[in-house]
């Protein structure tokens, strides 16, 4: 069948019929498969809600020393454990 449907010298009708007959043999039928992950989407939130959440988080962290880890996690440092130098002592 492949030699017929790939031969440009054959009439178009023969080529189409040969391609249709070969389709069931050359390509495997599709089978249902289970999803690889059990994903659950979070409900969407509006841009306004997201902005409010981030503003509250920013206000909660304001004035505190923080450290951002390489993975993006923010760690709040206890007072006196930061690397901030006091410039007032050099005056």
PDB file of N, CA and C in Angstrom:
ATOM      1  N   UNK A   1       0.811  -1.183   0.000  1.00  0.00           N
ATOM      2  CA  UNK A   1       0.000   0.000   0.000  1.00  0.00           C
ATOM      3  C   UNK A   1       0.873   1.273   0.000  1.00  0.00           C
ATOM      4  N   UNK A   2       1.963   1.221   0.764  1.00  0.00           N
ATOM      5  CA  UNK A   2       2.829   2.393   0.838  1.00  0.00           C
ATOM      6  C   UNK A   2       3.412   2.737  -0.542  1.00  0.00           C
ATOM      7  N   UNK A   3       3.808   1.732  -1.269  1.00  0.00           N
ATOM      8  CA  UNK A   3       4.391   2.005  -2.582  1.00  0.00           C
ATOM      9  C   UNK A   3       3.361   2.640  -3.521  1.00  0.00           C
ATOM     10  N   UNK A   4       2.091   2.312  -3.334  1.00  0.00           N
ATOM     11  CA  UNK A   4       1.052   2.907  -4.183  1.00  0.00           C
ATOM     12  C   UNK A   4       0.783   4.351  -3.776  1.00  0.00           C
ATOM     13  N   UNK A   5       0.577   4.607  -2.472  1.00  0.00           N
ATOM     14  CA  UNK A   5       0.216   5.984  -2.086  1.00  0.00           C
ATOM     15  C   UNK A   5       1.394   6.950  -2.142  1.00  0.00           C
ATOM     16  N   UNK A   6       2.617   6.452  -2.198  1.00  0.00           N
ATOM     17  CA  UNK A   6       3.766   7.359  -2.344  1.00  0.00           C
ATOM     18  C   UNK A   6       4.181   7.550  -3.800  1.00  0.00           C
ATOM     19  N   UNK A   7       3.626   6.753  -4.701  1.00  0.00           N
ATOM     20  CA  UNK A   7       3.966   6.837  -6.128  1.00  0.00           C
ATOM     21  C   UNK A   7       3.155   7.954  -6.780  1.00  0.00           C
ATOM     22  N   UNK A   8       3.837   9.017  -7.177  1.00  0.00           N
ATOM     23  CA  UNK A   8       3.141  10.171  -7.774  1.00  0.00           C
ATOM     24  C   UNK A   8       2.613   9.865  -9.173  1.00  0.00           C
ATOM     25  N   UNK A   9       3.020   8.754  -9.765  1.00  0.00           N
ATOM     26  CA  UNK A   9       2.523   8.380 -11.082  1.00  0.00           C
ATOM     27  C   UNK A   9       1.157   7.694 -11.013  1.00  0.00           C
ATOM     28  N   UNK A  10       0.750   7.246  -9.835  1.00  0.00           N
ATOM     29  CA  UNK A  10      -0.550   6.586  -9.651  1.00  0.00           C
ATOM     30  C   UNK A  10      -1.663   7.634  -9.659  1.00  0.00           C
ATOM     31  N   UNK A  11      -2.853   7.262 -10.086  1.00  0.00           N
ATOM     32  CA  UNK A  11      -3.983   8.196 -10.044  1.00  0.00           C
ATOM     33  C   UNK A  11      -4.300   8.577  -8.594  1.00  0.00           C
ATOM     34  N   UNK A  12      -4.767   9.797  -8.415  1.00  0.00           N
ATOM     35  CA  UNK A  12      -5.036  10.322  -7.067  1.00  0.00           C
ATOM     36  C   UNK A  12      -6.020   9.441  -6.314  1.00  0.00           C
ATOM     37  N   UNK A  13      -7.023   8.954  -6.964  1.00  0.00           N
ATOM     38  CA  UNK A  13      -8.009   8.091  -6.309  1.00  0.00           C
ATOM     39  C   UNK A  13      -7.391   6.827  -5.744  1.00  0.00           C
ATOM     40  N   UNK A  14      -6.500   6.207  -6.538  1.00  0.00           N
ATOM     41  CA  UNK A  14      -5.812   4.999  -6.054  1.00  0.00           C
ATOM     42  C   UNK A  14      -4.921   5.321  -4.868  1.00  0.00           C
ATOM     43  N   UNK A  15      -4.235   6.450  -4.959  1.00  0.00           N
ATOM     44  CA  UNK A  15      -3.333   6.845  -3.868  1.00  0.00           C
ATOM     45  C   UNK A  15      -4.115   7.090  -2.580  1.00  0.00           C
ATOM     46  N   UNK A  16      -5.266   7.764  -2.686  1.00  0.00           N
ATOM     47  CA  UNK A  16      -6.085   8.028  -1.498  1.00  0.00           C
ATOM     48  C   UNK A  16      -6.616   6.738  -0.894  1.00  0.00           C
ATOM     49  N   UNK A  17      -7.080   5.815  -1.736  1.00  0.00           N
ATOM     50  CA  UNK A  17      -7.605   4.546  -1.234  1.00  0.00           C
ATOM     51  C   UNK A  17      -6.488   3.750  -0.557  1.00  0.00           C
ATOM     52  N   UNK A  18      -5.314   3.712  -1.160  1.00  0.00           N
ATOM     53  CA  UNK A  18      -4.180   2.977  -0.579  1.00  0.00           C
ATOM     54  C   UNK A  18      -3.759   3.600   0.751  1.00  0.00           C
ATOM     55  N   UNK A  19      -3.759   4.924   0.819  1.00  0.00           N
ATOM     56  CA  UNK A  19      -3.383   5.591   2.073  1.00  0.00           C
ATOM     57  C   UNK A  19      -4.396   5.277   3.168  1.00  0.00           C
ATOM     58  N   UNK A  20      -5.672   5.265   2.823  1.00  0.00           N
ATOM     59  CA  UNK A  20      -6.703   4.938   3.805  1.00  0.00           C
ATOM     60  C   UNK A  20      -6.581   3.520   4.315  1.00  0.00           C
ATOM     61  N   UNK A  21      -6.292   2.573   3.418  1.00  0.00           N
ATOM     62  CA  UNK A  21      -6.132   1.175   3.823  1.00  0.00           C
ATOM     63  C   UNK A  21      -4.876   0.977   4.661  1.00  0.00           C
ATOM     64  N   UNK A  22      -3.828   1.706   4.355  1.00  0.00           N
ATOM     65  CA  UNK A  22      -2.566   1.554   5.086  1.00  0.00           C
ATOM     66  C   UNK A  22      -2.609   2.226   6.452  1.00  0.00           C
ATOM     67  N   UNK A  23      -3.523   3.149   6.619  1.00  0.00           N
ATOM     68  CA  UNK A  23      -3.565   3.918   7.866  1.00  0.00           C
ATOM     69  C   UNK A  23      -3.748   3.032   9.093  1.00  0.00           C
ATOM     70  N   UNK A  24      -4.627   2.052   9.009  1.00  0.00           N
ATOM     71  CA  UNK A  24      -4.867   1.168  10.155  1.00  0.00           C
ATOM     72  C   UNK A  24      -3.705   0.254  10.469  1.00  0.00           C
ATOM     73  N   UNK A  25      -2.831   0.032   9.499  1.00  0.00           N
ATOM     74  CA  UNK A  25      -1.699  -0.874   9.690  1.00  0.00           C
ATOM     75  C   UNK A  25      -0.433  -0.124  10.090  1.00  0.00           C
ATOM     76  N   UNK A  26      -0.227   1.048   9.499  1.00  0.00           N
ATOM     77  CA  UNK A  26       1.025   1.778   9.722  1.00  0.00           C
ATOM     78  C   UNK A  26       1.059   2.566  11.020  1.00  0.00           C
ATOM     79  N   UNK A  27      -0.082   3.018  11.490  1.00  0.00           N
ATOM     80  CA  UNK A  27      -0.080   3.794  12.733  1.00  0.00           C
ATOM     81  C   UNK A  27      -0.858   3.034  13.800  1.00  0.00           C
ATOM     82  N   UNK A  28      -0.324   3.048  14.991  1.00  0.00           N
ATOM     83  CA  UNK A  28      -0.969   2.357  16.098  1.00  0.00           C
ATOM     84  C   UNK A  28      -2.230   3.114  16.509  1.00  0.00           C
ATOM     85  N   UNK A  29      -3.276   2.388  16.867  1.00  0.00           N
ATOM     86  CA  UNK A  29      -4.491   3.081  17.302  1.00  0.00           C
ATOM     87  C   UNK A  29      -4.245   3.792  18.639  1.00  0.00           C
ATOM     88  N   UNK A  30      -4.924   4.892  18.825  1.00  0.00           N
ATOM     89  CA  UNK A  30      -4.791   5.638  20.075  1.00  0.00           C
ATOM     90  C   UNK A  30      -5.519   4.909  21.188  1.00  0.00           C
ATOM     91  N   UNK A  31      -4.888   4.851  22.333  1.00  0.00           N
ATOM     92  CA  UNK A  31      -5.488   4.204  23.495  1.00  0.00           C
ATOM     93  C   UNK A  31      -5.511   5.191  24.645  1.00  0.00           C
ATOM     94  N   UNK A  32      -6.521   5.066  25.454  1.00  0.00           N
ATOM     95  CA  UNK A  32      -6.625   5.933  26.627  1.00  0.00           C
ATOM     96  C   UNK A  32      -5.546   5.549  27.636  1.00  0.00           C
ATOM     97  N   UNK A  33      -4.896   6.540  28.210  1.00  0.00           N
ATOM     98  CA  UNK A  33      -3.892   6.299  29.245  1.00  0.00           C
ATOM     99  C   UNK A  33      -4.242   7.139  30.460  1.00  0.00           C
ATOM    100  N   UNK A  34      -3.845   6.644  31.604  1.00  0.00           N
ATOM    101  CA  UNK A  34      -4.101   7.399  32.825  1.00  0.00           C
ATOM    102  C   UNK A  34      -3.140   8.571  32.904  1.00  0.00           C
ATOM    103  N   UNK A  35      -3.596   9.695  33.464  1.00  0.00           N
ATOM    104  CA  UNK A  35      -2.691  10.843  33.582  1.00  0.00           C
ATOM    105  C   UNK A  35      -1.529  10.501  34.513  1.00  0.00           C
ATOM    106  N   UNK A  36      -0.307  10.995  34.191  1.00  0.00           N
ATOM    107  CA  UNK A  36       0.859  10.656  35.002  1.00  0.00           C
ATOM    108  C   UNK A  36       0.865  11.332  36.376  1.00  0.00           C
ATOM    109  N   UNK A  37       0.165  12.459  36.500  1.00  0.00           N
ATOM    110  CA  UNK A  37       0.152  13.177  37.772  1.00  0.00           C
ATOM    111  C   UNK A  37      -1.282  13.442  38.195  1.00  0.00           C
ATOM    112  N   UNK A  38      -1.513  13.470  39.480  1.00  0.00           N
ATOM    113  CA  UNK A  38      -2.829  13.794  40.004  1.00  0.00           C
ATOM    114  C   UNK A  38      -2.816  15.275  40.366  1.00  0.00           C
ATOM    115  N   UNK A  39      -3.103  16.129  39.402  1.00  0.00           N
ATOM    116  CA  UNK A  39      -3.018  17.567  39.594  1.00  0.00           C
ATOM    117  C   UNK A  39      -4.380  18.163  39.926  1.00  0.00           C
ATOM    118  N   UNK A  40      -4.374  19.109  40.826  1.00  0.00           N
ATOM    119  CA  UNK A  40      -5.584  19.830  41.172  1.00  0.00           C
ATOM    120  C   UNK A  40      -5.270  21.319  41.064  1.00  0.00           C
ATOM    121  N   UNK A  41      -6.027  22.012  40.254  1.00  0.00           N
ATOM    122  CA  UNK A  41      -5.785  23.441  40.057  1.00  0.00           C
ATOM    123  C   UNK A  41      -6.321  24.236  41.244  1.00  0.00           C
ATOM    124  N   UNK A  42      -5.590  25.288  41.597  1.00  0.00           N
ATOM    125  CA  UNK A  42      -6.065  26.183  42.638  1.00  0.00           C
ATOM    126  C   UNK A  42      -7.128  27.089  42.032  1.00  0.00           C
ATOM    127  N   UNK A  43      -8.109  27.473  42.833  1.00  0.00           N
ATOM    128  CA  UNK A  43      -9.115  28.382  42.281  1.00  0.00           C
ATOM    129  C   UNK A  43      -8.475  29.722  41.934  1.00  0.00           C
ATOM    130  N   UNK A  44      -8.871  30.296  40.811  1.00  0.00           N
ATOM    131  CA  UNK A  44      -8.257  31.574  40.422  1.00  0.00           C
ATOM    132  C   UNK A  44      -8.667  32.700  41.370  1.00  0.00           C
ATOM    133  N   UNK A  45      -7.752  33.657  41.558  1.00  0.00           N
ATOM    134  CA  UNK A  45      -8.083  34.825  42.358  1.00  0.00           C
ATOM    135  C   UNK A  45      -7.916  36.058  41.472  1.00  0.00           C
ATOM    136  N   UNK A  46      -8.626  37.080  41.820  1.00  0.00           N
ATOM    137  CA  UNK A  46      -8.570  38.285  40.996  1.00  0.00           C
ATOM    138  C   UNK A  46      -7.247  39.012  41.226  1.00  0.00           C
ATOM    139  N   UNK A  47      -6.913  39.880  40.291  1.00  0.00           N
ATOM    140  CA  UNK A  47      -5.689  40.656  40.405  1.00  0.00           C
ATOM    141  C   UNK A  47      -5.741  41.557  41.636  1.00  0.00           C
ATOM    142  N   UNK A  48      -6.913  42.083  41.952  1.00  0.00           N
ATOM    143  CA  UNK A  48      -7.072  42.934  43.132  1.00  0.00           C
ATOM    144  C   UNK A  48      -6.772  42.154  44.404  1.00  0.00           C
ATOM    145  N   UNK A  49      -7.321  40.924  44.505  1.00  0.00           N
ATOM    146  CA  UNK A  49      -7.055  40.099  45.690  1.00  0.00           C
ATOM    147  C   UNK A  49      -5.569  39.770  45.811  1.00  0.00           C
ATOM    148  N   UNK A  50      -4.935  39.453  44.688  1.00  0.00           N
ATOM    149  CA  UNK A  50      -3.516  39.137  44.700  1.00  0.00           C
ATOM    150  C   UNK A  50      -2.700  40.338  45.165  1.00  0.00           C
ATOM    151  N   UNK A  51      -3.033  41.522  44.661  1.00  0.00           N
ATOM    152  CA  UNK A  51      -2.326  42.735  45.067  1.00  0.00           C
ATOM    153  C   UNK A  51      -2.509  42.990  46.560  1.00  0.00           C
ATOM    154  N   UNK A  52      -3.731  42.786  47.075  1.00  0.00           N
ATOM    155  CA  UNK A  52      -3.978  42.980  48.510  1.00  0.00           C
ATOM    156  C   UNK A  52      -3.171  41.998  49.352  1.00  0.00           C
ATOM    157  N   UNK A  53      -3.124  40.737  48.922  1.00  0.00           N
ATOM    158  CA  UNK A  53      -2.346  39.730  49.657  1.00  0.00           C
ATOM    159  C   UNK A  53      -0.871  40.107  49.712  1.00  0.00           C
ATOM    160  N   UNK A  54      -0.347  40.544  48.594  1.00  0.00           N
ATOM    161  CA  UNK A  54       1.077  40.894  48.550  1.00  0.00           C
ATOM    162  C   UNK A  54       1.375  42.154  49.345  1.00  0.00           C
ATOM    163  N   UNK A  55       0.436  43.105  49.340  1.00  0.00           N
ATOM    164  CA  UNK A  55       0.620  44.327  50.128  1.00  0.00           C
ATOM    165  C   UNK A  55       0.633  43.995  51.620  1.00  0.00           C
ATOM    166  N   UNK A  56      -0.262  43.119  52.064  1.00  0.00           N
ATOM    167  CA  UNK A  56      -0.293  42.715  53.474  1.00  0.00           C
ATOM    168  C   UNK A  56       1.013  42.026  53.859  1.00  0.00           C
ATOM    169  N   UNK A  57       1.521  41.165  52.960  1.00  0.00           N
ATOM    170  CA  UNK A  57       2.777  40.468  53.241  1.00  0.00           C
ATOM    171  C   UNK A  57       3.926  41.462  53.323  1.00  0.00           C
ATOM    172  N   UNK A  58       3.930  42.439  52.423  1.00  0.00           N
ATOM    173  CA  UNK A  58       4.984  43.446  52.432  1.00  0.00           C
ATOM    174  C   UNK A  58       4.934  44.267  53.711  1.00  0.00           C
ATOM    175  N   UNK A  59       3.736  44.669  54.132  1.00  0.00           N
ATOM    176  CA  UNK A  59       3.606  45.457  55.359  1.00  0.00           C
ATOM    177  C   UNK A  59       4.033  44.649  56.582  1.00  0.00           C
ATOM    178  N   UNK A  60       3.741  43.344  56.586  1.00  0.00           N
ATOM    179  CA  UNK A  60       4.138  42.487  57.701  1.00  0.00           C
ATOM    180  C   UNK A  60       5.663  42.367  57.788  1.00  0.00           C
ATOM    181  N   UNK A  61       6.344  42.410  56.638  1.00  0.00           N
ATOM    182  CA  UNK A  61       7.805  42.264  56.628  1.00  0.00           C
ATOM    183  C   UNK A  61       8.532  43.593  56.755  1.00  0.00           C
ATOM    184  N   UNK A  62       7.801  44.687  56.664  1.00  0.00           N
ATOM    185  CA  UNK A  62       8.425  46.002  56.692  1.00  0.00           C
ATOM    186  C   UNK A  62       9.168  46.227  58.007  1.00  0.00           C
ATOM    187  N   UNK A  63      10.402  46.682  57.913  1.00  0.00           N
ATOM    188  CA  UNK A  63      11.225  46.958  59.088  1.00  0.00           C
ATOM    189  C   UNK A  63      11.949  45.736  59.623  1.00  0.00           C
ATOM    190  N   UNK A  64      11.683  44.574  59.082  1.00  0.00           N
ATOM    191  CA  UNK A  64      12.356  43.362  59.536  1.00  0.00           C
ATOM    192  C   UNK A  64      13.480  43.017  58.555  1.00  0.00           C
ATOM    193  N   UNK A  65      14.488  42.370  59.080  1.00  0.00           N
ATOM    194  CA  UNK A  65      15.565  41.917  58.211  1.00  0.00           C
ATOM    195  C   UNK A  65      15.166  40.585  57.620  1.00  0.00           C
ATOM    196  N   UNK A  66      15.316  40.475  56.317  1.00  0.00           N
ATOM    197  CA  UNK A  66      14.960  39.235  55.642  1.00  0.00           C
ATOM    198  C   UNK A  66      16.142  38.758  54.823  1.00  0.00           C
ATOM    199  N   UNK A  67      16.110  37.482  54.516  1.00  0.00           N
ATOM    200  CA  UNK A  67      17.138  36.888  53.662  1.00  0.00           C
ATOM    201  C   UNK A  67      16.403  36.046  52.619  1.00  0.00           C
ATOM    202  N   UNK A  68      16.769  36.235  51.362  1.00  0.00           N
ATOM    203  CA  UNK A  68      16.153  35.455  50.288  1.00  0.00           C
ATOM    204  C   UNK A  68      17.082  34.305  49.940  1.00  0.00           C
ATOM    205  N   UNK A  69      16.580  33.094  50.074  1.00  0.00           N
ATOM    206  CA  UNK A  69      17.339  31.886  49.770  1.00  0.00           C
ATOM    207  C   UNK A  69      17.489  31.736  48.260  1.00  0.00           C
ATOM    208  N   UNK A  70      18.452  30.936  47.792  1.00  0.00           N
ATOM    209  CA  UNK A  70      18.625  30.718  46.349  1.00  0.00           C
ATOM    210  C   UNK A  70      17.375  30.153  45.664  1.00  0.00           C
ATOM    211  N   UNK A  71      16.547  29.412  46.419  1.00  0.00           N
ATOM    212  CA  UNK A  71      15.331  28.853  45.834  1.00  0.00           C
ATOM    213  C   UNK A  71      14.168  29.843  45.846  1.00  0.00           C
ATOM    214  N   UNK A  72      14.405  31.072  46.316  1.00  0.00           N
ATOM    215  CA  UNK A  72      13.375  32.107  46.313  1.00  0.00           C
ATOM    216  C   UNK A  72      12.608  32.207  47.621  1.00  0.00           C
ATOM    217  N   UNK A  73      12.854  31.313  48.561  1.00  0.00           N
ATOM    218  CA  UNK A  73      12.168  31.353  49.850  1.00  0.00           C
ATOM    219  C   UNK A  73      12.684  32.528  50.667  1.00  0.00           C
ATOM    220  N   UNK A  74      11.755  33.240  51.322  1.00  0.00           N
ATOM    221  CA  UNK A  74      12.114  34.390  52.141  1.00  0.00           C
ATOM    222  C   UNK A  74      12.163  33.950  53.598  1.00  0.00           C
ATOM    223  N   UNK A  75      13.291  34.247  54.280  1.00  0.00           N
ATOM    224  CA  UNK A  75      13.467  33.898  55.686  1.00  0.00           C
ATOM    225  C   UNK A  75      13.563  35.194  56.476  1.00  0.00           C
ATOM    226  N   UNK A  76      12.739  35.318  57.515  1.00  0.00           N
ATOM    227  CA  UNK A  76      12.795  36.489  58.391  1.00  0.00           C
ATOM    228  C   UNK A  76      13.849  36.217  59.453  1.00  0.00           C
ATOM    229  N   UNK A  77      14.866  37.104  59.534  1.00  0.00           N
ATOM    230  CA  UNK A  77      15.957  36.932  60.494  1.00  0.00           C
ATOM    231  C   UNK A  77      15.574  37.502  61.845  1.00  0.00           C
ATOM    232  N   UNK A  78      16.074  36.872  62.879  1.00  0.00           N
ATOM    233  CA  UNK A  78      15.856  37.387  64.225  1.00  0.00           C
ATOM    234  C   UNK A  78      16.707  38.635  64.398  1.00  0.00           C
ATOM    235  N   UNK A  79      16.283  39.574  65.229  1.00  0.00           N
ATOM    236  CA  UNK A  79      17.079  40.794  65.426  1.00  0.00           C
ATOM    237  C   UNK A  79      18.509  40.457  65.858  1.00  0.00           C
ATOM    238  N   UNK A  80      19.478  41.160  65.252  1.00  0.00           N
ATOM    239  CA  UNK A  80      20.881  40.964  65.608  1.00  0.00           C
ATOM    240  C   UNK A  80      21.574  39.885  64.817  1.00  0.00           C
ATOM    241  N   UNK A  81      20.882  39.191  63.908  1.00  0.00           N
ATOM    242  CA  UNK A  81      21.509  38.123  63.137  1.00  0.00           C
ATOM    243  C   UNK A  81      21.757  38.503  61.684  1.00  0.00           C
ATOM    244  N   UNK A  82      21.544  39.745  61.334  1.00  0.00           N
ATOM    245  CA  UNK A  82      21.731  40.181  59.958  1.00  0.00           C
ATOM    246  C   UNK A  82      23.166  40.597  59.701  1.00  0.00           C
ATOM    247  N   UNK A  83      23.469  40.929  58.481  1.00  0.00           N
ATOM    248  CA  UNK A  83      24.808  41.379  58.098  1.00  0.00           C
ATOM    249  C   UNK A  83      24.844  42.899  57.917  1.00  0.00           C
ATOM    250  N   UNK A  84      23.922  43.615  58.496  1.00  0.00           N
ATOM    251  CA  UNK A  84      23.844  45.054  58.335  1.00  0.00           C
ATOM    252  C   UNK A  84      24.812  45.713  59.305  1.00  0.00           C
ATOM    253  N   UNK A  85      25.646  46.608  58.792  1.00  0.00           N
ATOM    254  CA  UNK A  85      26.594  47.333  59.654  1.00  0.00           C
ATOM    255  C   UNK A  85      25.978  48.649  60.058  1.00  0.00           C
ATOM    256  N   UNK A  86      26.246  49.073  61.260  1.00  0.00           N
ATOM    257  CA  UNK A  86      25.736  50.331  61.767  1.00  0.00           C
ATOM    258  C   UNK A  86      26.729  51.424  61.398  1.00  0.00           C
ATOM    259  N   UNK A  87      26.360  52.296  60.467  1.00  0.00           N
ATOM    260  CA  UNK A  87      27.258  53.360  60.027  1.00  0.00           C
ATOM    261  C   UNK A  87      27.380  54.494  61.064  1.00  0.00           C
ATOM    262  N   UNK A  88      26.495  54.542  62.059  1.00  0.00           N
ATOM    263  CA  UNK A  88      26.515  55.620  63.051  1.00  0.00           C
ATOM    264  C   UNK A  88      27.759  55.531  63.922  1.00  0.00           C
ATOM    265  N   UNK A  89      28.330  54.352  64.120  1.00  0.00           N
ATOM    266  CA  UNK A  89      29.499  54.211  64.998  1.00  0.00           C
ATOM    267  C   UNK A  89      30.762  54.777  64.349  1.00  0.00           C
ATOM    268  N   UNK A  90      30.780  54.946  63.033  1.00  0.00           N
ATOM    269  CA  UNK A  90      31.965  55.471  62.367  1.00  0.00           C
ATOM    270  C   UNK A  90      31.986  56.979  62.311  1.00  0.00           C
ATOM    271  N   UNK A  91      30.930  57.667  62.771  1.00  0.00           N
ATOM    272  CA  UNK A  91      30.871  59.139  62.735  1.00  0.00           C
ATOM    273  C   UNK A  91      31.714  59.761  63.814  1.00  0.00           C
TER     274      UNK A  91
END
